[in-house]
Amino acid sequence: MRPCVVADAKLVTRLDTRHVVPGGRFVFKIVAQVAPSGDVPEIPAGAFGFGVIAVAEHARSNGQPGRVAFEPRFIGLRGNVRVPAIADPRMGENYLEGDSRNVPGGFAFIPLVGIAVGGYNALHRGREVVIEQGTPFRVVLGDDLALGRCADPSPSDAAL
């Protein structure tokens, strides 16, 4: 089975869990030209892609961190052509979670310190997630992966 067509991409939109909402959109850009293969046409460097925010959770008290998952959907080409694109499922780059900033649980067993640790962990907020413009990630192009017509790309194939 032939390997899936992959492309390196960079975020154009800054994603911050303080502001993004599920269903919101984001923009990304293809880094280098992609040669045509199968149902995937030639994609020029700099072509824009579009996607949606699948998960967006603000950081909350009790050390709950912010979370975000973004889903690339397609690359837009001239002539209103859209090439399907998904985040490379083996890379896990499209889901990020902030830090809880909780004090380690072992301290809870120390007399008096445990009370302070428990109170701190219950009251403070976790960290938000910010994914800056220009952050690289990889996309799989076309529908072949979903249709079982290509091999799932290996993380070692990444050119990041």
Foldseek 3Di string as FASTA:
>chain_A
DAAFFKFKKWWQDKDWLVDADFFAKTKIFTQAWGPDDDPRHIDHGGFMWMWTWHDGDPWDFLLFWTKTFIWTAWTADPPRDTKGKGFQVQPPPRIDTFGSPQDDPVLLPDPPSVVVSVVRSRGDTHYMDIDDTGDMGMIGIHCCVVVVNHDRDDPVPDPD
